[in-house]
Amino acid sequence: MANQRTDTKGSTVKVTLIKSPIGFKRDQGDVVKALGLRRIRHTVELKDTPAVRGMIHKVRHLVEVGE
């Protein structure tokens, strides 16, 4: 039985940090860090789960999403 959080099968989503979280609420910066984004123009590929989608929604003005 595969672990749902670490299983690499299934759909993924690419998230790129476009704007700095400096000047926004602190929890938004925490969400950016939790997504694994370290600097502007940094892209990470994450498993497409409801939790990740919720995090992306919270910082949608700072990131760009690709499929």
PDB file of N, CA and C in Angstrom:
ATOM      1  N   MET A   1       0.841  -1.184   0.000  1.00  0.00           N
ATOM      2  CA  MET A   1       0.000   0.000   0.000  1.00  0.00           C
ATOM      3  C   MET A   1       0.883   1.243   0.000  1.00  0.00           C
ATOM      4  N   ALA A   2       0.703   2.110  -0.956  1.00  0.00           N
ATOM      5  CA  ALA A   2       1.537   3.289  -1.110  1.00  0.00           C
ATOM      6  C   ALA A   2       1.077   4.416  -0.187  1.00  0.00           C
ATOM      7  N   ASN A   3       2.037   5.190   0.272  1.00  0.00           N
ATOM      8  CA  ASN A   3       1.727   6.351   1.089  1.00  0.00           C
ATOM      9  C   ASN A   3       1.266   7.472   0.169  1.00  0.00           C
ATOM     10  N   GLN A   4       0.106   8.023   0.454  1.00  0.00           N
ATOM     11  CA  GLN A   4      -0.471   9.027  -0.439  1.00  0.00           C
ATOM     12  C   GLN A   4       0.377  10.294  -0.517  1.00  0.00           C
ATOM     13  N   ARG A   5       1.021  10.673   0.589  1.00  0.00           N
ATOM     14  CA  ARG A   5       1.792  11.915   0.593  1.00  0.00           C
ATOM     15  C   ARG A   5       3.102  11.792  -0.154  1.00  0.00           C
ATOM     16  N   THR A   6       3.688  10.604  -0.196  1.00  0.00           N
ATOM     17  CA  THR A   6       4.993  10.450  -0.833  1.00  0.00           C
ATOM     18  C   THR A   6       4.926   9.720  -2.165  1.00  0.00           C
ATOM     19  N   ASP A   7       3.757   9.278  -2.563  1.00  0.00           N
ATOM     20  CA  ASP A   7       3.601   8.566  -3.825  1.00  0.00           C
ATOM     21  C   ASP A   7       3.844   9.521  -4.983  1.00  0.00           C
ATOM     22  N   THR A   8       4.711   9.148  -5.916  1.00  0.00           N
ATOM     23  CA  THR A   8       5.045  10.037  -7.035  1.00  0.00           C
ATOM     24  C   THR A   8       4.093   9.883  -8.205  1.00  0.00           C
ATOM     25  N   LYS A   9       3.236   8.867  -8.165  1.00  0.00           N
ATOM     26  CA  LYS A   9       2.277   8.695  -9.247  1.00  0.00           C
ATOM     27  C   LYS A   9       1.162   9.712  -9.116  1.00  0.00           C
ATOM     28  N   GLY A  10       0.473   9.958 -10.203  1.00  0.00           N
ATOM     29  CA  GLY A  10      -0.633  10.905 -10.160  1.00  0.00           C
ATOM     30  C   GLY A  10      -0.216  12.254 -10.699  1.00  0.00           C
ATOM     31  N   SER A  11      -1.118  13.210 -10.586  1.00  0.00           N
ATOM     32  CA  SER A  11      -0.860  14.523 -11.167  1.00  0.00           C
ATOM     33  C   SER A  11      -0.023  15.384 -10.234  1.00  0.00           C
ATOM     34  N   THR A  12       0.731  16.259 -10.848  1.00  0.00           N
ATOM     35  CA  THR A  12       1.545  17.206 -10.100  1.00  0.00           C
ATOM     36  C   THR A  12       1.251  18.609 -10.603  1.00  0.00           C
ATOM     37  N   VAL A  13       1.695  19.574  -9.838  1.00  0.00           N
ATOM     38  CA  VAL A  13       1.506  20.966 -10.201  1.00  0.00           C
ATOM     39  C   VAL A  13       2.836  21.692  -9.987  1.00  0.00           C
ATOM     40  N   LYS A  14       3.204  22.547 -10.939  1.00  0.00           N
ATOM     41  CA  LYS A  14       4.438  23.332 -10.827  1.00  0.00           C
ATOM     42  C   LYS A  14       4.088  24.715 -10.304  1.00  0.00           C
ATOM     43  N   VAL A  15       4.788  25.123  -9.250  1.00  0.00           N
ATOM     44  CA  VAL A  15       4.533  26.415  -8.610  1.00  0.00           C
ATOM     45  C   VAL A  15       5.811  27.233  -8.665  1.00  0.00           C
ATOM     46  N   THR A  16       5.709  28.477  -9.129  1.00  0.00           N
ATOM     47  CA  THR A  16       6.849  29.379  -9.246  1.00  0.00           C
ATOM     48  C   THR A  16       6.588  30.635  -8.430  1.00  0.00           C
ATOM     49  N   LEU A  17       7.559  31.020  -7.611  1.00  0.00           N
ATOM     50  CA  LEU A  17       7.448  32.260  -6.842  1.00  0.00           C
ATOM     51  C   LEU A  17       7.736  33.436  -7.767  1.00  0.00           C
ATOM     52  N   ILE A  18       6.777  34.336  -7.899  1.00  0.00           N
ATOM     53  CA  ILE A  18       6.897  35.476  -8.806  1.00  0.00           C
ATOM     54  C   ILE A  18       7.180  36.764  -8.048  1.00  0.00           C
ATOM     55  N   LYS A  19       6.618  36.894  -6.865  1.00  0.00           N
ATOM     56  CA  LYS A  19       6.728  38.123  -6.085  1.00  0.00           C
ATOM     57  C   LYS A  19       7.176  37.785  -4.675  1.00  0.00           C
ATOM     58  N   SER A  20       7.974  38.653  -4.073  1.00  0.00           N
ATOM     59  CA  SER A  20       8.481  38.416  -2.732  1.00  0.00           C
ATOM     60  C   SER A  20       7.368  38.530  -1.686  1.00  0.00           C
ATOM     61  N   PRO A  21       7.392  37.662  -0.681  1.00  0.00           N
ATOM     62  CA  PRO A  21       6.393  37.757   0.384  1.00  0.00           C
ATOM     63  C   PRO A  21       6.688  38.864   1.390  1.00  0.00           C
ATOM     64  N   ILE A  22       7.809  39.566   1.243  1.00  0.00           N
ATOM     65  CA  ILE A  22       8.131  40.671   2.143  1.00  0.00           C
ATOM     66  C   ILE A  22       7.087  41.771   1.957  1.00  0.00           C
ATOM     67  N   GLY A  23       6.560  42.252   3.058  1.00  0.00           N
ATOM     68  CA  GLY A  23       5.550  43.298   3.009  1.00  0.00           C
ATOM     69  C   GLY A  23       4.134  42.759   3.111  1.00  0.00           C
ATOM     70  N   PHE A  24       3.996  41.437   3.082  1.00  0.00           N
ATOM     71  CA  PHE A  24       2.691  40.805   3.247  1.00  0.00           C
ATOM     72  C   PHE A  24       2.627  40.175   4.634  1.00  0.00           C
ATOM     73  N   LYS A  25       1.475  39.660   4.994  1.00  0.00           N
ATOM     74  CA  LYS A  25       1.323  39.048   6.306  1.00  0.00           C
ATOM     75  C   LYS A  25       2.319  37.919   6.495  1.00  0.00           C
ATOM     76  N   ARG A  26       2.769  37.759   7.738  1.00  0.00           N
ATOM     77  CA  ARG A  26       3.808  36.773   8.035  1.00  0.00           C
ATOM     78  C   ARG A  26       3.386  35.351   7.677  1.00  0.00           C
ATOM     79  N   ASP A  27       2.117  35.025   7.888  1.00  0.00           N
ATOM     80  CA  ASP A  27       1.678  33.656   7.598  1.00  0.00           C
ATOM     81  C   ASP A  27       1.758  33.340   6.109  1.00  0.00           C
ATOM     82  N   GLN A  28       1.686  34.354   5.260  1.00  0.00           N
ATOM     83  CA  GLN A  28       1.837  34.117   3.828  1.00  0.00           C
ATOM     84  C   GLN A  28       3.281  33.753   3.498  1.00  0.00           C
ATOM     85  N   GLY A  29       4.225  34.377   4.173  1.00  0.00           N
ATOM     86  CA  GLY A  29       5.629  34.000   4.009  1.00  0.00           C
ATOM     87  C   GLY A  29       5.882  32.585   4.482  1.00  0.00           C
ATOM     88  N   ASP A  30       5.198  32.206   5.566  1.00  0.00           N
ATOM     89  CA  ASP A  30       5.325  30.836   6.069  1.00  0.00           C
ATOM     90  C   ASP A  30       4.786  29.827   5.066  1.00  0.00           C
ATOM     91  N   VAL A  31       3.699  30.170   4.389  1.00  0.00           N
ATOM     92  CA  VAL A  31       3.123  29.275   3.382  1.00  0.00           C
ATOM     93  C   VAL A  31       4.082  29.125   2.201  1.00  0.00           C
ATOM     94  N   VAL A  32       4.705  30.218   1.794  1.00  0.00           N
ATOM     95  CA  VAL A  32       5.676  30.163   0.695  1.00  0.00           C
ATOM     96  C   VAL A  32       6.814  29.217   1.065  1.00  0.00           C
ATOM     97  N   LYS A  33       7.308  29.310   2.299  1.00  0.00           N
ATOM     98  CA  LYS A  33       8.370  28.415   2.758  1.00  0.00           C
ATOM     99  C   LYS A  33       7.891  26.966   2.790  1.00  0.00           C
ATOM    100  N   ALA A  34       6.660  26.765   3.251  1.00  0.00           N
ATOM    101  CA  ALA A  34       6.108  25.414   3.346  1.00  0.00           C
ATOM    102  C   ALA A  34       5.951  24.780   1.965  1.00  0.00           C
ATOM    103  N   LEU A  35       5.708  25.601   0.959  1.00  0.00           N
ATOM    104  CA  LEU A  35       5.626  25.080  -0.407  1.00  0.00           C
ATOM    105  C   LEU A  35       7.004  24.704  -0.950  1.00  0.00           C
ATOM    106  N   GLY A  36       8.061  25.144  -0.277  1.00  0.00           N
ATOM    107  CA  GLY A  36       9.417  24.814  -0.710  1.00  0.00           C
ATOM    108  C   GLY A  36      10.031  25.862  -1.608  1.00  0.00           C
ATOM    109  N   LEU A  37       9.409  27.021  -1.692  1.00  0.00           N
ATOM    110  CA  LEU A  37       9.920  28.093  -2.546  1.00  0.00           C
ATOM    111  C   LEU A  37      10.923  28.927  -1.760  1.00  0.00           C
ATOM    112  N   ARG A  38      12.098  29.136  -2.331  1.00  0.00           N
ATOM    113  CA  ARG A  38      13.178  29.801  -1.606  1.00  0.00           C
ATOM    114  C   ARG A  38      13.497  31.203  -2.123  1.00  0.00           C
ATOM    115  N   ARG A  39      13.328  31.424  -3.405  1.00  0.00           N
ATOM    116  CA  ARG A  39      13.678  32.733  -3.970  1.00  0.00           C
ATOM    117  C   ARG A  39      12.788  32.993  -5.180  1.00  0.00           C
ATOM    118  N   ILE A  40      12.800  34.219  -5.638  1.00  0.00           N
ATOM    119  CA  ILE A  40      11.986  34.594  -6.790  1.00  0.00           C
ATOM    120  C   ILE A  40      12.467  33.824  -8.019  1.00  0.00           C
ATOM    121  N   ARG A  41      11.526  33.383  -8.831  1.00  0.00           N
ATOM    122  CA  ARG A  41      11.739  32.577 -10.043  1.00  0.00           C
ATOM    123  C   ARG A  41      12.116  31.131  -9.717  1.00  0.00           C
ATOM    124  N   HIS A  42      11.992  30.715  -8.458  1.00  0.00           N
ATOM    125  CA  HIS A  42      12.256  29.331  -8.064  1.00  0.00           C
ATOM    126  C   HIS A  42      10.990  28.518  -8.303  1.00  0.00           C
ATOM    127  N   THR A  43      11.124  27.364  -8.939  1.00  0.00           N
ATOM    128  CA  THR A  43       9.986  26.515  -9.269  1.00  0.00           C
ATOM    129  C   THR A  43      10.111  25.185  -8.559  1.00  0.00           C
ATOM    130  N   VAL A  44       9.003  24.724  -7.996  1.00  0.00           N
ATOM    131  CA  VAL A  44       8.947  23.396  -7.385  1.00  0.00           C
ATOM    132  C   VAL A  44       7.777  22.640  -7.981  1.00  0.00           C
ATOM    133  N   GLU A  45       7.900  21.320  -8.003  1.00  0.00           N
ATOM    134  CA  GLU A  45       6.834  20.474  -8.508  1.00  0.00           C
ATOM    135  C   GLU A  45       6.256  19.711  -7.320  1.00  0.00           C
ATOM    136  N   LEU A  46       4.965  19.906  -7.067  1.00  0.00           N
ATOM    137  CA  LEU A  46       4.300  19.326  -5.910  1.00  0.00           C
ATOM    138  C   LEU A  46       3.161  18.427  -6.348  1.00  0.00           C
ATOM    139  N   LYS A  47       2.842  17.454  -5.512  1.00  0.00           N
ATOM    140  CA  LYS A  47       1.704  16.585  -5.771  1.00  0.00           C
ATOM    141  C   LYS A  47       0.427  17.411  -5.658  1.00  0.00           C
ATOM    142  N   ASP A  48      -0.476  17.211  -6.585  1.00  0.00           N
ATOM    143  CA  ASP A  48      -1.717  17.987  -6.637  1.00  0.00           C
ATOM    144  C   ASP A  48      -2.723  17.414  -5.640  1.00  0.00           C
ATOM    145  N   THR A  49      -2.719  17.962  -4.424  1.00  0.00           N
ATOM    146  CA  THR A  49      -3.644  17.534  -3.373  1.00  0.00           C
ATOM    147  C   THR A  49      -4.478  18.733  -2.927  1.00  0.00           C
ATOM    148  N   PRO A  50      -5.584  18.503  -2.254  1.00  0.00           N
ATOM    149  CA  PRO A  50      -6.387  19.622  -1.745  1.00  0.00           C
ATOM    150  C   PRO A  50      -5.606  20.523  -0.791  1.00  0.00           C
ATOM    151  N   ALA A  51      -4.715  19.948   0.004  1.00  0.00           N
ATOM    152  CA  ALA A  51      -3.924  20.750   0.943  1.00  0.00           C
ATOM    153  C   ALA A  51      -2.993  21.704   0.192  1.00  0.00           C
ATOM    154  N   VAL A  52      -2.330  21.191  -0.827  1.00  0.00           N
ATOM    155  CA  VAL A  52      -1.424  22.027  -1.623  1.00  0.00           C
ATOM    156  C   VAL A  52      -2.215  23.090  -2.366  1.00  0.00           C
ATOM    157  N   ARG A  53      -3.374  22.726  -2.911  1.00  0.00           N
ATOM    158  CA  ARG A  53      -4.211  23.701  -3.609  1.00  0.00           C
ATOM    159  C   ARG A  53      -4.645  24.818  -2.671  1.00  0.00           C
ATOM    160  N   GLY A  54      -4.947  24.479  -1.421  1.00  0.00           N
ATOM    161  CA  GLY A  54      -5.330  25.494  -0.438  1.00  0.00           C
ATOM    162  C   GLY A  54      -4.189  26.438  -0.128  1.00  0.00           C
ATOM    163  N   MET A  55      -2.972  25.895  -0.034  1.00  0.00           N
ATOM    164  CA  MET A  55      -1.805  26.733   0.214  1.00  0.00           C
ATOM    165  C   MET A  55      -1.551  27.670  -0.968  1.00  0.00           C
ATOM    166  N   ILE A  56      -1.696  27.141  -2.170  1.00  0.00           N
ATOM    167  CA  ILE A  56      -1.508  27.963  -3.369  1.00  0.00           C
ATOM    168  C   ILE A  56      -2.553  29.078  -3.407  1.00  0.00           C
ATOM    169  N   HIS A  57      -3.776  28.740  -3.036  1.00  0.00           N
ATOM    170  CA  HIS A  57      -4.847  29.739  -3.043  1.00  0.00           C
ATOM    171  C   HIS A  57      -4.543  30.876  -2.075  1.00  0.00           C
ATOM    172  N   LYS A  58      -3.939  30.566  -0.941  1.00  0.00           N
ATOM    173  CA  LYS A  58      -3.635  31.573   0.070  1.00  0.00           C
ATOM    174  C   LYS A  58      -2.593  32.582  -0.426  1.00  0.00           C
ATOM    175  N   VAL A  59      -1.674  32.145  -1.263  1.00  0.00           N
ATOM    176  CA  VAL A  59      -0.623  33.031  -1.767  1.00  0.00           C
ATOM    177  C   VAL A  59      -0.698  33.184  -3.276  1.00  0.00           C
ATOM    178  N   ARG A  60      -1.894  33.138  -3.817  1.00  0.00           N
ATOM    179  CA  ARG A  60      -2.079  33.163  -5.276  1.00  0.00           C
ATOM    180  C   ARG A  60      -1.574  34.449  -5.913  1.00  0.00           C
ATOM    181  N   HIS A  61      -1.438  35.536  -5.137  1.00  0.00           N
ATOM    182  CA  HIS A  61      -0.931  36.793  -5.665  1.00  0.00           C
ATOM    183  C   HIS A  61       0.602  36.824  -5.716  1.00  0.00           C
ATOM    184  N   LEU A  62       1.245  35.813  -5.134  1.00  0.00           N
ATOM    185  CA  LEU A  62       2.711  35.757  -5.107  1.00  0.00           C
ATOM    186  C   LEU A  62       3.287  34.686  -6.022  1.00  0.00           C
ATOM    187  N   VAL A  63       2.453  33.746  -6.455  1.00  0.00           N
ATOM    188  CA  VAL A  63       2.961  32.605  -7.223  1.00  0.00           C
ATOM    189  C   VAL A  63       2.266  32.480  -8.567  1.00  0.00           C
ATOM    190  N   GLU A  64       2.901  31.692  -9.429  1.00  0.00           N
ATOM    191  CA  GLU A  64       2.325  31.344 -10.726  1.00  0.00           C
ATOM    192  C   GLU A  64       2.264  29.826 -10.783  1.00  0.00           C
ATOM    193  N   VAL A  65       1.155  29.308 -11.273  1.00  0.00           N
ATOM    194  CA  VAL A  65       0.926  27.862 -11.268  1.00  0.00           C
ATOM    195  C   VAL A  65       0.891  27.334 -12.696  1.00  0.00           C
ATOM    196  N   GLY A  66       1.618  26.248 -12.927  1.00  0.00           N
ATOM    197  CA  GLY A  66       1.611  25.554 -14.204  1.00  0.00           C
ATOM    198  C   GLY A  66       1.257  24.101 -13.967  1.00  0.00           C
ATOM    199  N   GLU A  67       0.725  23.469 -14.968  1.00  0.00           N
ATOM    200  CA  GLU A  67       0.300  22.065 -14.802  1.00  0.00           C
ATOM    201  C   GLU A  67       1.396  21.118 -15.086  1.00  0.00           C
TER     202      GLU A  67
END
